[in-house]
Amino acid sequence: YNTLFPNRLALKHMHSQQNPEKDWGNDTLAATRYAMYVLNDRFGSAEFPAPLNADNTIVIAASASNGGTAIVRAAE
């Protein structure tokens, strides 16, 4: 089988009982916090009147399929 299909990709997911989807919302929030950290670190107070944080920044997220699910879970 490996000889006939050398470029196949097998993912152990469906029955692995690992449920990675449960963390998608937290992963999306962590990515957003990291993005704000990097923007604040890179541009500092010269570009932004106040440091970016959840209180003074609106994050617009868009995606499809699994990414859309991650966004919805983050918004929950």
Protein backbone atom coordinates (compact mmCIF):
# COMPACT_ATOMS: atom_id res chain seq x y z
CA TYR A 1 0.00 0.00 0.00
CA ASN A 2 2.83 2.40 0.80
CA THR A 3 4.43 1.69 -2.56
CA LEU A 4 1.22 2.44 -4.46
CA PHE A 5 0.49 5.63 -2.50
CA PRO A 6 3.84 7.10 -1.34
CA ASN A 7 2.50 10.65 -0.97
CA ARG A 8 -0.49 9.85 1.21
CA LEU A 9 -1.05 11.57 4.50
CA ALA A 10 -2.51 9.62 7.39
CA LEU A 11 -3.76 11.41 10.48
CA LYS A 12 -4.71 9.58 13.65
CA HIS A 13 -7.66 11.66 14.67
CA MET A 14 -11.16 10.31 14.37
CA HIS A 15 -10.89 7.48 16.87
CA SER A 16 -7.79 8.63 18.76
CA GLN A 17 -9.84 9.99 21.70
CA GLN A 18 -7.52 13.02 21.81
CA ASN A 19 -10.23 15.58 20.84
CA PRO A 20 -7.98 18.45 19.71
CA GLU A 21 -11.07 20.55 18.89
CA LYS A 22 -11.70 21.16 22.59
CA ASP A 23 -8.71 23.54 22.69
CA TRP A 24 -9.35 25.48 19.47
CA GLY A 25 -10.99 28.41 21.24
CA ASN A 26 -8.16 28.73 23.75
CA ASP A 27 -5.59 28.39 20.96
CA THR A 28 -7.28 31.22 19.03
CA LEU A 29 -7.30 33.46 22.10
CA ALA A 30 -3.63 32.67 22.78
CA ALA A 31 -2.76 33.56 19.17
CA THR A 32 -4.62 36.86 19.54
CA ARG A 33 -2.80 37.71 22.78
CA TYR A 34 0.52 36.85 21.14
CA ALA A 35 -0.29 39.05 18.13
CA MET A 36 -0.99 42.00 20.45
CA TYR A 37 2.26 41.33 22.33
CA VAL A 38 4.28 41.29 19.10
CA LEU A 39 2.62 44.48 17.79
CA ASN A 40 3.25 46.27 21.08
CA ASP A 41 6.85 45.04 21.16
CA ARG A 42 7.55 45.91 17.53
CA PHE A 43 5.89 49.29 17.28
CA GLY A 44 5.72 50.39 20.91
CA SER A 45 4.15 53.70 21.86
CA ALA A 46 5.35 55.43 18.68
CA GLU A 47 2.60 53.86 16.56
CA PHE A 48 -0.11 53.24 19.16
CA PRO A 49 -1.36 55.83 21.68
CA ALA A 50 -1.82 53.07 24.27
CA PRO A 51 -0.61 49.46 24.37
CA LEU A 52 -2.94 47.11 22.53
CA ASN A 53 -4.99 44.91 24.84
CA ALA A 54 -8.43 43.31 25.03
CA ASP A 55 -9.97 46.47 26.50
CA ASN A 56 -9.02 48.86 23.69
CA THR A 57 -8.79 46.61 20.62
CA ILE A 58 -11.43 45.02 18.43
CA VAL A 59 -10.30 41.79 16.80
CA ILE A 60 -12.09 40.82 13.60
CA ALA A 61 -11.64 37.14 12.83
CA ALA A 62 -12.85 35.30 9.74
CA SER A 63 -12.35 31.80 8.46
CA ALA A 64 -14.13 28.78 7.06
CA SER A 65 -14.61 25.21 8.18
CA ASN A 66 -12.41 24.33 11.17
CA GLY A 67 -11.08 27.87 11.48
CA GLY A 68 -14.64 29.13 11.75
CA THR A 69 -15.27 26.68 14.56
CA ALA A 70 -12.16 27.92 16.38
CA ILE A 71 -13.39 31.51 16.11
CA VAL A 72 -16.81 30.63 17.45
CA ARG A 73 -15.28 28.75 20.37
CA ALA A 74 -13.02 31.70 21.14
CA ALA A 75 -16.02 34.04 21.11
CA GLU A 76 -17.87 31.78 23.55
